[in-house]
């Protein structure tokens, strides 16, 4: 059923090489198969009705993934994930994951139903998160229902999430809040190479909100955008232009879950500033603001196919109002090492 549902061409349709390659890619990305290949019978005598042969090797029914890592943002980390590919019924994929680093610990579980013929897939999940970042301590428990459509180039995700949260500043009182949010996320990737792009763009747009009338401490609406434009310069150079913008419209910041507010700083934000250390100062803590603006200009040069260098300037900040959004800046240089999993970055 899964092999049939992921097929987006039909008998009698004119042959299209890109459609066959996409079919193979989606089979490989589904997570159910250790390997997948799609081939078309090229015998000229069969040209009016060429057979499509699909060969798949299933993953074991149960799988355990273990990982360790290190980041200057959050220090050492470890994670473990257990996946069962036939949870309750064949084609339902269940997973539980534990991830721990020095600033955040997360435990979540998810049940993903069999992908539909239209490409949409339904998921339900639950999570428990504890974090201590810039003297803001947060405990969050939530359940989510999600409906998503994904290809390597484009994603659409709708989600309905209910969460309860405890927020406290170091040594301060505990604030309890809850929210029922409806969220939409759209992602577009148009690059020449998903692993090592030299030109193109990536864009993510998000919209969401909650209402006090429906299980929420405060009403708010939220918009967020993050984009990357890659401009090639000659054969070995390119310019990365990155922007990140966000806004939350509400009567006040209090009562809004931390994950829907904004902080900046860190490796994927304004480098040279501690992870999420840019935001609203509240005592000795940094809390999220309702507005965000971050931008980067980075020039990259390839010395060899595996090694490159970069020069960059970052700027931005998070605040509680547009008038208080005063950017801070950083600049530096870095090394890029290309690995099979992507680029390993070392910036100073």
C-alpha atoms as a PDB file:
ATOM      1  CA  UNK A   1       0.000   0.000   0.000  1.00  0.00           C
ATOM      2  CA  UNK A   2       2.830   2.391   0.841  1.00  0.00           C
ATOM      3  CA  UNK A   3       4.557   1.761  -2.509  1.00  0.00           C
ATOM      4  CA  UNK A   4       1.260   2.441  -4.304  1.00  0.00           C
ATOM      5  CA  UNK A   5       0.406   5.567  -2.285  1.00  0.00           C
ATOM      6  CA  UNK A   6       3.726   7.274  -2.980  1.00  0.00           C
ATOM      7  CA  UNK A   7       3.368   6.817  -6.750  1.00  0.00           C
ATOM      8  CA  UNK A   8       2.179  10.085  -8.330  1.00  0.00           C
ATOM      9  CA  UNK A   9       2.029   8.978 -11.988  1.00  0.00           C
ATOM     10  CA  UNK A  10      -0.586   6.646 -13.493  1.00  0.00           C
ATOM     11  CA  UNK A  11      -0.860   4.034 -16.270  1.00  0.00           C
ATOM     12  CA  UNK A  12      -1.112   5.649 -19.683  1.00  0.00           C
ATOM     13  CA  UNK A  13       0.730   8.804 -18.651  1.00  0.00           C
ATOM     14  CA  UNK A  14       3.598   9.929 -20.884  1.00  0.00           C
ATOM     15  CA  UNK A  15       7.008   8.885 -19.532  1.00  0.00           C
ATOM     16  CA  UNK A  16       8.794  11.511 -17.455  1.00  0.00           C
ATOM     17  CA  UNK A  17      12.265  10.841 -16.071  1.00  0.00           C
ATOM     18  CA  UNK A  18      11.928  13.403 -13.266  1.00  0.00           C
ATOM     19  CA  UNK A  19       8.713  11.744 -12.039  1.00  0.00           C
ATOM     20  CA  UNK A  20      10.455   8.366 -11.804  1.00  0.00           C
ATOM     21  CA  UNK A  21      13.424   9.844  -9.924  1.00  0.00           C
ATOM     22  CA  UNK A  22      11.075  11.664  -7.531  1.00  0.00           C
ATOM     23  CA  UNK A  23       9.206   8.416  -6.891  1.00  0.00           C
ATOM     24  CA  UNK A  24      12.448   6.666  -5.945  1.00  0.00           C
ATOM     25  CA  UNK A  25      13.478   9.603  -3.738  1.00  0.00           C
ATOM     26  CA  UNK A  26      10.171   9.561  -1.854  1.00  0.00           C
ATOM     27  CA  UNK A  27      10.393   5.805  -1.301  1.00  0.00           C
ATOM     28  CA  UNK A  28      13.902   6.250   0.137  1.00  0.00           C
ATOM     29  CA  UNK A  29      12.841   9.206   2.287  1.00  0.00           C
ATOM     30  CA  UNK A  30       9.750   7.463   3.685  1.00  0.00           C
ATOM     31  CA  UNK A  31      11.830   5.758   6.357  1.00  0.00           C
ATOM     32  CA  UNK A  32      10.311   2.336   5.718  1.00  0.00           C
ATOM     33  CA  UNK A  33      12.926   0.998   3.322  1.00  0.00           C
ATOM     34  CA  UNK A  34      16.617   0.245   3.671  1.00  0.00           C
ATOM     35  CA  UNK A  35      16.934   0.679  -0.093  1.00  0.00           C
ATOM     36  CA  UNK A  36      14.629   1.490  -3.002  1.00  0.00           C
ATOM     37  CA  UNK A  37      15.125   1.596  -6.758  1.00  0.00           C
ATOM     38  CA  UNK A  38      12.752   2.396  -9.610  1.00  0.00           C
ATOM     39  CA  UNK A  39      13.486   1.386 -13.225  1.00  0.00           C
ATOM     40  CA  UNK A  40      11.557   1.533 -16.486  1.00  0.00           C
ATOM     41  CA  UNK A  41      11.615  -1.174 -19.165  1.00  0.00           C
ATOM     42  CA  UNK A  42      13.429   0.478 -22.097  1.00  0.00           C
ATOM     43  CA  UNK A  43      12.628  -2.229 -24.659  1.00  0.00           C
ATOM     44  CA  UNK A  44      11.400  -0.280 -27.744  1.00  0.00           C
ATOM     45  CA  UNK A  45       8.765  -2.935 -28.417  1.00  0.00           C
ATOM     46  CA  UNK A  46       7.168  -2.027 -25.065  1.00  0.00           C
ATOM     47  CA  UNK A  47       7.245   1.732 -25.605  1.00  0.00           C
ATOM     48  CA  UNK A  48       3.447   2.090 -25.655  1.00  0.00           C
ATOM     49  CA  UNK A  49       3.163   0.450 -22.217  1.00  0.00           C
ATOM     50  CA  UNK A  50       6.535   0.410 -20.491  1.00  0.00           C
ATOM     51  CA  UNK A  51       6.607  -1.513 -17.213  1.00  0.00           C
ATOM     52  CA  UNK A  52       7.871   0.267 -14.080  1.00  0.00           C
ATOM     53  CA  UNK A  53       9.790  -2.083 -11.796  1.00  0.00           C
ATOM     54  CA  UNK A  54      10.081  -1.130  -8.131  1.00  0.00           C
ATOM     55  CA  UNK A  55      12.539  -2.985  -5.903  1.00  0.00           C
ATOM     56  CA  UNK A  56      12.512  -2.271  -2.172  1.00  0.00           C
ATOM     57  CA  UNK A  57      14.220  -3.798   0.840  1.00  0.00           C
ATOM     58  CA  UNK A  58      12.314  -3.091   4.028  1.00  0.00           C
ATOM     59  CA  UNK A  59      13.921  -1.797   7.183  1.00  0.00           C
ATOM     60  CA  UNK A  60      13.768  -4.113  10.197  1.00  0.00           C
ATOM     61  CA  UNK A  61      10.445  -3.682  12.015  1.00  0.00           C
ATOM     62  CA  UNK A  62      12.251  -2.146  14.991  1.00  0.00           C
ATOM     63  CA  UNK A  63      15.212   0.245  14.936  1.00  0.00           C
ATOM     64  CA  UNK A  64      17.333   2.006  17.562  1.00  0.00           C
ATOM     65  CA  UNK A  65      19.347   5.140  16.732  1.00  0.00           C
ATOM     66  CA  UNK A  66      22.013   6.518  19.092  1.00  0.00           C
ATOM     67  CA  UNK A  67      23.930   9.765  18.628  1.00  0.00           C
ATOM     68  CA  UNK A  68      26.326  12.133  20.348  1.00  0.00           C
ATOM     69  CA  UNK A  69      27.447  15.596  19.295  1.00  0.00           C
ATOM     70  CA  UNK A  70      28.804  18.943  20.346  1.00  0.00           C
ATOM     71  CA  UNK A  71      27.865  22.539  19.606  1.00  0.00           C
ATOM     72  CA  UNK A  72      29.237  25.802  20.931  1.00  0.00           C
ATOM     73  CA  UNK A  73      25.583  26.851  21.365  1.00  0.00           C
ATOM     74  CA  UNK A  74      24.427  24.081  23.698  1.00  0.00           C
ATOM     75  CA  UNK A  75      27.555  22.076  24.557  1.00  0.00           C
ATOM     76  CA  UNK A  76      27.718  18.264  24.427  1.00  0.00           C
ATOM     77  CA  UNK A  77      24.538  16.379  23.585  1.00  0.00           C
ATOM     78  CA  UNK A  78      23.276  12.826  23.375  1.00  0.00           C
ATOM     79  CA  UNK A  79      20.151  11.348  21.895  1.00  0.00           C
ATOM     80  CA  UNK A  80      18.426   7.989  21.548  1.00  0.00           C
ATOM     81  CA  UNK A  81      15.461   7.081  19.356  1.00  0.00           C
ATOM     82  CA  UNK A  82      13.368   3.934  19.062  1.00  0.00           C
ATOM     83  CA  UNK A  83      11.247   3.401  15.944  1.00  0.00           C
ATOM     84  CA  UNK A  84       8.624   0.710  15.319  1.00  0.00           C
ATOM     85  CA  UNK A  85       7.506   0.613  11.676  1.00  0.00           C
ATOM     86  CA  UNK A  86       4.270  -1.295  12.268  1.00  0.00           C
ATOM     87  CA  UNK A  87       2.757   0.237  15.396  1.00  0.00           C
ATOM     88  CA  UNK A  88      -0.811  -1.008  15.979  1.00  0.00           C
ATOM     89  CA  UNK A  89      -1.182  -1.789  12.245  1.00  0.00           C
ATOM     90  CA  UNK A  90       1.106  -2.171   9.194  1.00  0.00           C
ATOM     91  CA  UNK A  91       2.325   1.156   7.830  1.00  0.00           C
ATOM     92  CA  UNK A  92       1.862   3.134  11.053  1.00  0.00           C
ATOM     93  CA  UNK A  93       5.260   4.383  12.198  1.00  0.00           C
ATOM     94  CA  UNK A  94       5.731   4.996  15.920  1.00  0.00           C
ATOM     95  CA  UNK A  95       8.815   6.591  17.445  1.00  0.00           C
ATOM     96  CA  UNK A  96      10.040   7.831  20.800  1.00  0.00           C
ATOM     97  CA  UNK A  97      13.069  10.082  21.201  1.00  0.00           C
ATOM     98  CA  UNK A  98      15.133  11.378  24.101  1.00  0.00           C
ATOM     99  CA  UNK A  99      17.559  14.254  23.475  1.00  0.00           C
ATOM    100  CA  UNK A 100      19.684  15.905  26.166  1.00  0.00           C
ATOM    101  CA  UNK A 101      22.207  18.725  26.142  1.00  0.00           C
ATOM    102  CA  UNK A 102      23.428  21.190  28.746  1.00  0.00           C
ATOM    103  CA  UNK A 103      20.556  23.640  28.173  1.00  0.00           C
ATOM    104  CA  UNK A 104      17.565  21.609  27.019  1.00  0.00           C
ATOM    105  CA  UNK A 105      16.182  18.116  27.556  1.00  0.00           C
ATOM    106  CA  UNK A 106      13.380  16.765  25.365  1.00  0.00           C
ATOM    107  CA  UNK A 107      11.341  13.567  25.392  1.00  0.00           C
ATOM    108  CA  UNK A 108       8.725  13.043  22.679  1.00  0.00           C
ATOM    109  CA  UNK A 109       6.689  10.363  21.045  1.00  0.00           C
ATOM    110  CA  UNK A 110       4.967  10.338  17.651  1.00  0.00           C
ATOM    111  CA  UNK A 111       2.666   8.108  15.644  1.00  0.00           C
ATOM    112  CA  UNK A 112       2.725   8.723  11.881  1.00  0.00           C
ATOM    113  CA  UNK A 113      -0.043   7.115   9.866  1.00  0.00           C
ATOM    114  CA  UNK A 114       0.447   5.611   6.389  1.00  0.00           C
ATOM    115  CA  UNK A 115       1.020   8.294   3.713  1.00  0.00           C
ATOM    116  CA  UNK A 116      -2.096   8.935   1.623  1.00  0.00           C
ATOM    117  CA  UNK A 117      -2.263   8.694  -2.171  1.00  0.00           C
ATOM    118  CA  UNK A 118      -2.406  12.517  -2.349  1.00  0.00           C
ATOM    119  CA  UNK A 119       0.936  12.754  -0.535  1.00  0.00           C
ATOM    120  CA  UNK A 120      -0.501  14.009   2.764  1.00  0.00           C
ATOM    121  CA  UNK A 121       0.367  12.264   6.017  1.00  0.00           C
ATOM    122  CA  UNK A 122      -1.243  12.554   9.459  1.00  0.00           C
ATOM    123  CA  UNK A 123       0.691  12.471  12.718  1.00  0.00           C
ATOM    124  CA  UNK A 124      -0.097  12.704  16.414  1.00  0.00           C
ATOM    125  CA  UNK A 125       2.495  13.308  19.092  1.00  0.00           C
ATOM    126  CA  UNK A 126       3.273  14.265  22.665  1.00  0.00           C
ATOM    127  CA  UNK A 127       6.308  15.944  24.200  1.00  0.00           C
ATOM    128  CA  UNK A 128       7.888  17.004  27.488  1.00  0.00           C
ATOM    129  CA  UNK A 129      10.598  19.689  27.426  1.00  0.00           C
ATOM    130  CA  UNK A 130      12.772  21.235  30.131  1.00  0.00           C
ATOM    131  CA  UNK A 131      15.143  24.109  29.350  1.00  0.00           C
ATOM    132  CA  UNK A 132      17.328  26.554  31.258  1.00  0.00           C
ATOM    133  CA  UNK A 133      18.608  29.225  28.862  1.00  0.00           C
ATOM    134  CA  UNK A 134      19.848  32.662  29.945  1.00  0.00           C
ATOM    135  CA  UNK A 135      18.333  32.175  33.431  1.00  0.00           C
ATOM    136  CA  UNK A 136      14.863  31.480  32.046  1.00  0.00           C
ATOM    137  CA  UNK A 137      13.660  28.076  33.242  1.00  0.00           C
ATOM    138  CA  UNK A 138      10.893  26.485  31.230  1.00  0.00           C
ATOM    139  CA  UNK A 139       8.919  23.253  31.563  1.00  0.00           C
ATOM    140  CA  UNK A 140       6.512  22.411  28.742  1.00  0.00           C
ATOM    141  CA  UNK A 141       4.123  19.533  28.098  1.00  0.00           C
ATOM    142  CA  UNK A 142       2.147  19.306  24.887  1.00  0.00           C
ATOM    143  CA  UNK A 143       0.150  17.189  22.459  1.00  0.00           C
ATOM    144  CA  UNK A 144      -0.002  17.831  18.723  1.00  0.00           C
ATOM    145  CA  UNK A 145      -2.088  16.715  15.752  1.00  0.00           C
ATOM    146  CA  UNK A 146      -0.384  17.404  12.423  1.00  0.00           C
ATOM    147  CA  UNK A 147      -1.213  17.008   8.746  1.00  0.00           C
ATOM    148  CA  UNK A 148       1.685  17.470   6.337  1.00  0.00           C
ATOM    149  CA  UNK A 149       2.616  17.187   2.662  1.00  0.00           C
ATOM    150  CA  UNK A 150       6.309  16.957   1.834  1.00  0.00           C
ATOM    151  CA  UNK A 151       8.621  16.593  -1.128  1.00  0.00           C
ATOM    152  CA  UNK A 152      12.355  17.358  -1.298  1.00  0.00           C
ATOM    153  CA  UNK A 153      11.471  20.778  -2.742  1.00  0.00           C
ATOM    154  CA  UNK A 154       8.329  21.804  -0.861  1.00  0.00           C
ATOM    155  CA  UNK A 155       6.501  21.241   2.414  1.00  0.00           C
ATOM    156  CA  UNK A 156       3.072  22.166   3.789  1.00  0.00           C
ATOM    157  CA  UNK A 157       2.309  21.510   7.467  1.00  0.00           C
ATOM    158  CA  UNK A 158      -0.864  22.192   9.446  1.00  0.00           C
ATOM    159  CA  UNK A 159      -0.834  21.523  13.189  1.00  0.00           C
ATOM    160  CA  UNK A 160      -3.130  21.897  16.177  1.00  0.00           C
ATOM    161  CA  UNK A 161      -1.211  21.960  19.447  1.00  0.00           C
ATOM    162  CA  UNK A 162      -2.252  22.167  23.086  1.00  0.00           C
ATOM    163  CA  UNK A 163       0.420  22.817  25.693  1.00  0.00           C
ATOM    164  CA  UNK A 164       0.806  23.733  29.341  1.00  0.00           C
ATOM    165  CA  UNK A 165       3.924  25.539  30.451  1.00  0.00           C
ATOM    166  CA  UNK A 166       5.715  26.629  33.604  1.00  0.00           C
ATOM    167  CA  UNK A 167       8.003  29.655  33.244  1.00  0.00           C
ATOM    168  CA  UNK A 168      10.257  31.015  35.949  1.00  0.00           C
ATOM    169  CA  UNK A 169      13.233  33.309  36.183  1.00  0.00           C
ATOM    170  CA  UNK A 170      16.138  32.071  38.304  1.00  0.00           C
ATOM    171  CA  UNK A 171      15.005  32.464  41.900  1.00  0.00           C
ATOM    172  CA  UNK A 172      11.709  34.019  40.819  1.00  0.00           C
ATOM    173  CA  UNK A 173       8.034  32.999  40.967  1.00  0.00           C
ATOM    174  CA  UNK A 174       6.568  30.405  38.613  1.00  0.00           C
ATOM    175  CA  UNK A 175       4.110  31.495  35.914  1.00  0.00           C
ATOM    176  CA  UNK A 176       1.669  28.888  34.646  1.00  0.00           C
ATOM    177  CA  UNK A 177       0.111  29.256  31.219  1.00  0.00           C
ATOM    178  CA  UNK A 178      -1.538  27.217  28.504  1.00  0.00           C
ATOM    179  CA  UNK A 179      -2.309  27.645  24.836  1.00  0.00           C
ATOM    180  CA  UNK A 180      -4.235  25.918  22.062  1.00  0.00           C
ATOM    181  CA  UNK A 181      -2.608  27.041  18.820  1.00  0.00           C
ATOM    182  CA  UNK A 182      -3.380  26.494  15.156  1.00  0.00           C
ATOM    183  CA  UNK A 183      -0.226  26.741  13.035  1.00  0.00           C
ATOM    184  CA  UNK A 184       0.727  26.581   9.365  1.00  0.00           C
ATOM    185  CA  UNK A 185       4.230  26.221   7.909  1.00  0.00           C
ATOM    186  CA  UNK A 186       5.282  26.405   4.243  1.00  0.00           C
ATOM    187  CA  UNK A 187       8.797  25.592   3.014  1.00  0.00           C
ATOM    188  CA  UNK A 188      10.215  26.046  -0.481  1.00  0.00           C
ATOM    189  CA  UNK A 189      13.623  24.799  -1.641  1.00  0.00           C
ATOM    190  CA  UNK A 190      14.910  25.683  -5.093  1.00  0.00           C
ATOM    191  CA  UNK A 191      18.636  24.862  -5.139  1.00  0.00           C
ATOM    192  CA  UNK A 192      20.944  23.098  -7.559  1.00  0.00           C
ATOM    193  CA  UNK A 193      22.097  20.568  -4.926  1.00  0.00           C
ATOM    194  CA  UNK A 194      20.307  19.759  -1.651  1.00  0.00           C
ATOM    195  CA  UNK A 195      23.545  18.635   0.040  1.00  0.00           C
ATOM    196  CA  UNK A 196      25.910  21.336  -1.207  1.00  0.00           C
ATOM    197  CA  UNK A 197      23.969  24.116  -2.934  1.00  0.00           C
ATOM    198  CA  UNK A 198      25.836  26.672  -5.041  1.00  0.00           C
ATOM    199  CA  UNK A 199      22.824  28.686  -6.151  1.00  0.00           C
ATOM    200  CA  UNK A 200      19.147  28.994  -5.389  1.00  0.00           C
ATOM    201  CA  UNK A 201      17.020  29.800  -2.367  1.00  0.00           C
ATOM    202  CA  UNK A 202      15.397  28.281   0.697  1.00  0.00           C
ATOM    203  CA  UNK A 203      12.345  29.875   2.313  1.00  0.00           C
ATOM    204  CA  UNK A 204      10.195  29.039   5.332  1.00  0.00           C
ATOM    205  CA  UNK A 205       7.016  30.944   6.265  1.00  0.00           C
ATOM    206  CA  UNK A 206       4.945  30.322   9.400  1.00  0.00           C
ATOM    207  CA  UNK A 207       1.589  31.611  10.627  1.00  0.00           C
ATOM    208  CA  UNK A 208      -0.152  30.767  13.878  1.00  0.00           C
ATOM    209  CA  UNK A 209      -2.137  31.981  16.831  1.00  0.00           C
ATOM    210  CA  UNK A 210      -4.334  31.290  19.823  1.00  0.00           C
ATOM    211  CA  UNK A 211      -7.483  32.713  21.435  1.00  0.00           C
ATOM    212  CA  UNK A 212      -8.301  33.276  25.090  1.00  0.00           C
ATOM    213  CA  UNK A 213     -11.786  31.986  24.296  1.00  0.00           C
ATOM    214  CA  UNK A 214     -10.365  28.511  23.556  1.00  0.00           C
ATOM    215  CA  UNK A 215      -8.098  27.041  26.264  1.00  0.00           C
ATOM    216  CA  UNK A 216      -5.444  29.788  26.043  1.00  0.00           C
ATOM    217  CA  UNK A 217      -4.045  32.179  28.634  1.00  0.00           C
ATOM    218  CA  UNK A 218      -3.648  34.977  26.065  1.00  0.00           C
ATOM    219  CA  UNK A 219      -4.812  35.697  22.536  1.00  0.00           C
ATOM    220  CA  UNK A 220      -2.063  36.269  19.993  1.00  0.00           C
ATOM    221  CA  UNK A 221      -1.217  36.016  16.309  1.00  0.00           C
ATOM    222  CA  UNK A 222       2.260  35.157  15.073  1.00  0.00           C
ATOM    223  CA  UNK A 223       4.131  35.409  11.767  1.00  0.00           C
ATOM    224  CA  UNK A 224       7.668  34.248  11.042  1.00  0.00           C
ATOM    225  CA  UNK A 225       9.862  34.096   7.951  1.00  0.00           C
ATOM    226  CA  UNK A 226      13.351  32.747   7.349  1.00  0.00           C
ATOM    227  CA  UNK A 227      15.088  32.797   3.991  1.00  0.00           C
ATOM    228  CA  UNK A 228      18.441  32.085   2.360  1.00  0.00           C
ATOM    229  CA  UNK A 229      19.474  33.295  -1.093  1.00  0.00           C
ATOM    230  CA  UNK A 230      22.673  31.801  -2.576  1.00  0.00           C
ATOM    231  CA  UNK A 231      24.309  33.865  -5.334  1.00  0.00           C
ATOM    232  CA  UNK A 232      27.148  32.179  -7.300  1.00  0.00           C
ATOM    233  CA  UNK A 233      30.290  34.218  -8.008  1.00  0.00           C
ATOM    234  CA  UNK A 234      32.534  32.551 -10.570  1.00  0.00           C
ATOM    235  CA  UNK A 235      33.193  28.821 -10.283  1.00  0.00           C
ATOM    236  CA  UNK A 236      34.403  28.625  -6.664  1.00  0.00           C
ATOM    237  CA  UNK A 237      32.740  31.497  -4.811  1.00  0.00           C
ATOM    238  CA  UNK A 238      29.238  32.336  -3.674  1.00  0.00           C
ATOM    239  CA  UNK A 239      27.420  34.816  -1.446  1.00  0.00           C
ATOM    240  CA  UNK A 240      24.896  33.717   1.179  1.00  0.00           C
ATOM    241  CA  UNK A 241      22.211  36.290   2.046  1.00  0.00           C
ATOM    242  CA  UNK A 242      20.148  35.186   5.052  1.00  0.00           C
ATOM    243  CA  UNK A 243      17.238  36.926   6.735  1.00  0.00           C
ATOM    244  CA  UNK A 244      15.028  36.033   9.683  1.00  0.00           C
ATOM    245  CA  UNK A 245      12.002  38.065  10.756  1.00  0.00           C
ATOM    246  CA  UNK A 246       9.204  37.511  13.237  1.00  0.00           C
ATOM    247  CA  UNK A 247       6.297  39.336  14.870  1.00  0.00           C
ATOM    248  CA  UNK A 248       3.736  38.466  17.539  1.00  0.00           C
ATOM    249  CA  UNK A 249       0.661  40.652  17.901  1.00  0.00           C
ATOM    250  CA  UNK A 250      -0.815  40.595  21.412  1.00  0.00           C
ATOM    251  CA  UNK A 251      -1.755  42.965  24.213  1.00  0.00           C
ATOM    252  CA  UNK A 252       1.309  41.857  26.194  1.00  0.00           C
ATOM    253  CA  UNK A 253       4.129  39.312  26.145  1.00  0.00           C
ATOM    254  CA  UNK A 254       3.035  37.625  29.372  1.00  0.00           C
ATOM    255  CA  UNK A 255       0.917  34.516  28.898  1.00  0.00           C
ATOM    256  CA  UNK A 256       2.436  33.564  25.526  1.00  0.00           C
ATOM    257  CA  UNK A 257       4.432  30.297  25.414  1.00  0.00           C
ATOM    258  CA  UNK A 258       8.194  30.752  25.109  1.00  0.00           C
ATOM    259  CA  UNK A 259       8.443  28.864  21.805  1.00  0.00           C
ATOM    260  CA  UNK A 260       6.196  31.449  20.099  1.00  0.00           C
ATOM    261  CA  UNK A 261       8.323  34.424  21.227  1.00  0.00           C
ATOM    262  CA  UNK A 262      11.744  35.335  19.834  1.00  0.00           C
ATOM    263  CA  UNK A 263      15.326  35.368  21.058  1.00  0.00           C
ATOM    264  CA  UNK A 264      18.468  35.678  18.957  1.00  0.00           C
ATOM    265  CA  UNK A 265      22.151  34.829  19.183  1.00  0.00           C
ATOM    266  CA  UNK A 266      24.131  31.692  18.440  1.00  0.00           C
ATOM    267  CA  UNK A 267      25.531  29.725  15.536  1.00  0.00           C
ATOM    268  CA  UNK A 268      22.429  29.963  13.324  1.00  0.00           C
ATOM    269  CA  UNK A 269      21.640  33.553  14.314  1.00  0.00           C
ATOM    270  CA  UNK A 270      23.986  36.375  15.339  1.00  0.00           C
ATOM    271  CA  UNK A 271      27.311  34.590  15.769  1.00  0.00           C
ATOM    272  CA  UNK A 272      29.597  35.786  18.537  1.00  0.00           C
ATOM    273  CA  UNK A 273      26.680  36.145  20.960  1.00  0.00           C
ATOM    274  CA  UNK A 274      25.643  33.343  23.307  1.00  0.00           C
ATOM    275  CA  UNK A 275      22.784  31.081  22.275  1.00  0.00           C
ATOM    276  CA  UNK A 276      19.465  32.976  22.673  1.00  0.00           C
ATOM    277  CA  UNK A 277      21.183  35.715  24.700  1.00  0.00           C
ATOM    278  CA  UNK A 278      19.583  38.544  22.686  1.00  0.00           C
ATOM    279  CA  UNK A 279      16.067  39.441  23.731  1.00  0.00           C
ATOM    280  CA  UNK A 280      14.212  41.260  26.486  1.00  0.00           C
ATOM    281  CA  UNK A 281      16.175  41.870  29.684  1.00  0.00           C
ATOM    282  CA  UNK A 282      14.128  40.946  32.744  1.00  0.00           C
ATOM    283  CA  UNK A 283      16.228  41.050  35.894  1.00  0.00           C
ATOM    284  CA  UNK A 284      19.163  38.719  35.375  1.00  0.00           C
ATOM    285  CA  UNK A 285      17.302  36.792  32.643  1.00  0.00           C
ATOM    286  CA  UNK A 286      16.753  37.138  28.916  1.00  0.00           C
ATOM    287  CA  UNK A 287      13.190  36.346  27.869  1.00  0.00           C
ATOM    288  CA  UNK A 288      11.580  36.233  24.458  1.00  0.00           C
ATOM    289  CA  UNK A 289      10.322  39.345  22.726  1.00  0.00           C
ATOM    290  CA  UNK A 290       7.468  39.870  20.288  1.00  0.00           C
ATOM    291  CA  UNK A 291       9.637  41.048  17.389  1.00  0.00           C
ATOM    292  CA  UNK A 292      12.729  39.648  15.667  1.00  0.00           C
ATOM    293  CA  UNK A 293      15.027  40.813  12.911  1.00  0.00           C
ATOM    294  CA  UNK A 294      18.297  39.096  11.922  1.00  0.00           C
ATOM    295  CA  UNK A 295      20.385  39.291   8.744  1.00  0.00           C
ATOM    296  CA  UNK A 296      23.644  37.785   7.449  1.00  0.00           C
ATOM    297  CA  UNK A 297      25.970  38.409   4.537  1.00  0.00           C
ATOM    298  CA  UNK A 298      28.517  35.623   4.057  1.00  0.00           C
ATOM    299  CA  UNK A 299      31.117  35.185   1.316  1.00  0.00           C
ATOM    300  CA  UNK A 300      32.310  31.602   0.729  1.00  0.00           C
ATOM    301  CA  UNK A 301      35.272  30.343  -1.305  1.00  0.00           C
ATOM    302  CA  UNK A 302      36.145  26.715  -2.141  1.00  0.00           C
ATOM    303  CA  UNK A 303      39.835  25.852  -1.833  1.00  0.00           C
ATOM    304  CA  UNK A 304      39.202  22.182  -2.730  1.00  0.00           C
ATOM    305  CA  UNK A 305      36.028  20.124  -3.299  1.00  0.00           C
ATOM    306  CA  UNK A 306      36.071  19.252   0.432  1.00  0.00           C
ATOM    307  CA  UNK A 307      37.443  22.420   2.053  1.00  0.00           C
ATOM    308  CA  UNK A 308      36.387  26.045   1.942  1.00  0.00           C
ATOM    309  CA  UNK A 309      36.546  29.338   3.793  1.00  0.00           C
ATOM    310  CA  UNK A 310      34.072  32.081   4.657  1.00  0.00           C
ATOM    311  CA  UNK A 311      33.894  35.730   5.738  1.00  0.00           C
ATOM    312  CA  UNK A 312      30.676  36.950   7.337  1.00  0.00           C
ATOM    313  CA  UNK A 313      28.811  39.818   8.979  1.00  0.00           C
ATOM    314  CA  UNK A 314      25.744  39.132  11.155  1.00  0.00           C
ATOM    315  CA  UNK A 315      23.326  41.658  12.613  1.00  0.00           C
ATOM    316  CA  UNK A 316      20.039  41.595  14.467  1.00  0.00           C
ATOM    317  CA  UNK A 317      18.176  41.430  17.751  1.00  0.00           C
ATOM    318  CA  UNK A 318      14.868  40.553  19.422  1.00  0.00           C
ATOM    319  CA  UNK A 319      12.724  43.024  21.348  1.00  0.00           C
ATOM    320  CA  UNK A 320       9.225  43.636  22.655  1.00  0.00           C
ATOM    321  CA  UNK A 321       8.375  46.418  20.196  1.00  0.00           C
ATOM    322  CA  UNK A 322       9.659  47.548  16.790  1.00  0.00           C
ATOM    323  CA  UNK A 323      11.041  50.782  18.280  1.00  0.00           C
ATOM    324  CA  UNK A 324      13.223  48.779  20.686  1.00  0.00           C
ATOM    325  CA  UNK A 325      14.592  46.496  17.948  1.00  0.00           C
ATOM    326  CA  UNK A 326      18.134  47.832  17.890  1.00  0.00           C
ATOM    327  CA  UNK A 327      20.516  45.497  16.030  1.00  0.00           C
ATOM    328  CA  UNK A 328      23.877  44.349  17.339  1.00  0.00           C
ATOM    329  CA  UNK A 329      26.569  43.126  14.954  1.00  0.00           C
ATOM    330  CA  UNK A 330      29.276  40.508  14.688  1.00  0.00           C
ATOM    331  CA  UNK A 331      31.836  39.674  12.037  1.00  0.00           C
ATOM    332  CA  UNK A 332      34.339  36.911  11.532  1.00  0.00           C
ATOM    333  CA  UNK A 333      35.851  34.179   9.411  1.00  0.00           C
ATOM    334  CA  UNK A 334      35.290  30.464   9.176  1.00  0.00           C
ATOM    335  CA  UNK A 335      36.254  27.091   7.738  1.00  0.00           C
ATOM    336  CA  UNK A 336      33.843  24.809   5.867  1.00  0.00           C
ATOM    337  CA  UNK A 337      34.498  21.076   5.622  1.00  0.00           C
ATOM    338  CA  UNK A 338      32.135  19.173   3.335  1.00  0.00           C
ATOM    339  CA  UNK A 339      31.030  15.776   4.682  1.00  0.00           C
ATOM    340  CA  UNK A 340      28.466  13.261   3.365  1.00  0.00           C
ATOM    341  CA  UNK A 341      25.995  14.726   5.884  1.00  0.00           C
ATOM    342  CA  UNK A 342      26.568  18.353   4.919  1.00  0.00           C
ATOM    343  CA  UNK A 343      28.931  21.144   5.894  1.00  0.00           C
ATOM    344  CA  UNK A 344      30.858  21.165   9.184  1.00  0.00           C
ATOM    345  CA  UNK A 345      31.330  24.827  10.200  1.00  0.00           C
ATOM    346  CA  UNK A 346      34.002  26.359  12.418  1.00  0.00           C
ATOM    347  CA  UNK A 347      33.634  30.132  12.807  1.00  0.00           C
ATOM    348  CA  UNK A 348      35.570  32.674  14.851  1.00  0.00           C
END
